[in-house]
Protein backbone atom coordinates (compact mmCIF):
# COMPACT_ATOMS: atom_id res chain seq x y z
CA MET A 1 65.74 78.24 113.79
CA TYR A 2 64.31 74.89 112.69
CA GLY A 3 64.98 71.19 113.15
CA PHE A 4 67.73 70.11 115.48
CA PRO A 5 68.63 73.55 116.94
CA LEU A 6 65.00 74.23 117.79
CA THR A 7 64.65 70.77 119.34
CA ILE A 8 67.72 71.31 121.53
CA TYR A 9 66.47 74.77 122.51
CA LEU A 10 63.06 73.42 123.54
CA LEU A 11 64.51 70.40 125.36
CA SER A 12 67.51 72.16 126.96
CA GLY A 13 65.88 72.69 130.37
CA TRP A 14 64.64 69.11 130.60
CA LEU A 15 67.97 67.72 129.36
CA ALA A 16 69.92 69.75 131.94
CA ARG A 17 67.72 68.44 134.77
CA THR A 18 67.59 64.83 133.57
CA TYR A 19 71.26 64.50 132.51
CA PRO A 20 73.20 66.91 134.75
CA GLY A 21 76.59 65.37 133.93
CA ILE A 22 76.49 66.07 130.19
CA ASP A 23 79.01 68.51 128.81
CA PRO A 24 76.88 70.45 126.28
CA PHE A 25 79.98 71.60 124.41
CA SER A 26 81.31 68.11 123.71
CA HIS A 27 80.77 66.51 120.33
CA ASP A 28 79.31 63.31 121.79
CA ALA A 29 76.56 65.27 123.58
CA GLY A 30 75.28 66.28 120.15
CA HIS A 31 74.19 62.70 119.52
CA LEU A 32 70.88 63.22 121.27
CA TRP A 33 69.35 59.79 120.60
CA SER A 34 72.36 58.02 122.09
CA THR A 35 72.08 60.21 125.16
CA LEU A 36 68.33 59.69 125.55
CA PHE A 37 68.56 55.91 125.15
CA GLY A 38 71.56 55.68 127.49
CA VAL A 39 73.94 54.21 124.93
CA HIS A 40 77.46 54.18 126.36
CA GLY A 41 80.68 54.34 124.43
CA ASP A 42 81.47 56.04 121.15
CA PRO A 43 78.15 57.17 119.63
CA HIS A 44 79.62 56.96 116.12
CA TRP A 45 79.71 53.15 116.30
CA SER A 46 76.36 52.61 118.01
CA VAL A 47 73.48 50.73 116.42
CA LEU A 48 71.47 53.97 116.17
CA HIS A 49 74.22 55.67 114.21
CA MET A 50 74.63 52.71 111.86
CA LEU A 51 70.86 52.58 111.26
CA SER A 52 70.79 56.28 110.44
CA ILE A 53 73.67 55.87 107.99
CA ALA A 54 71.81 52.97 106.35
CA ALA A 55 68.65 55.10 106.09
CA ILE A 56 70.59 57.94 104.45
CA PHE A 57 72.23 55.63 101.90
CA GLY A 58 68.88 53.92 101.32
CA GLY A 59 67.44 57.33 100.48
CA PHE A 60 70.25 57.98 98.00
CA ILE A 61 69.66 54.60 96.36
CA LEU A 62 65.91 55.25 96.16
CA LEU A 63 66.51 58.69 94.68
CA SER A 64 68.89 57.31 92.05
CA ALA A 65 66.40 54.56 91.17
CA VAL A 66 63.53 56.98 90.48
CA TRP A 67 65.59 59.81 88.96
CA LYS A 68 65.04 58.74 85.33
CA VAL A 69 61.32 58.13 85.88
CA LEU A 70 60.88 61.60 87.37
CA TYR A 71 62.98 63.23 84.64
CA ASP A 72 61.00 61.51 81.89
CA ALA A 73 57.69 62.49 83.50
CA GLN A 74 58.81 66.10 83.75
CA SER A 75 59.98 66.08 80.12
CA ARG A 76 56.67 64.66 78.89
CA HIS A 77 54.78 67.28 80.90
CA ALA A 78 56.90 70.09 79.42
CA LEU A 79 56.34 68.75 75.90
CA ALA A 80 52.59 68.40 76.46
CA THR A 81 52.21 71.97 77.71
CA THR A 82 54.26 73.53 74.89
CA GLY A 83 52.58 71.55 72.11
CA VAL A 84 55.91 70.25 70.83
CA TYR A 85 56.08 66.49 70.40
CA GLU A 86 58.97 64.35 69.32
């Protein structure tokens, strides 16, 4: 158990005492940052959710930008270790 499930497990007692009205089985309660910061309304349209989506897409863009550089570096390394050069 790593990441989010472990975090919820470790924080469950504190969350139950601090936010007694939260339904732990509802989907919106799974948006922990919105709950902790007291964001009301639909958590899917909050600023936190939009920033996380932007960070994920930014990571995809960064990965696609460096993909060829990493592939070429790996290819050169493989050629250098096998002694075969083009």
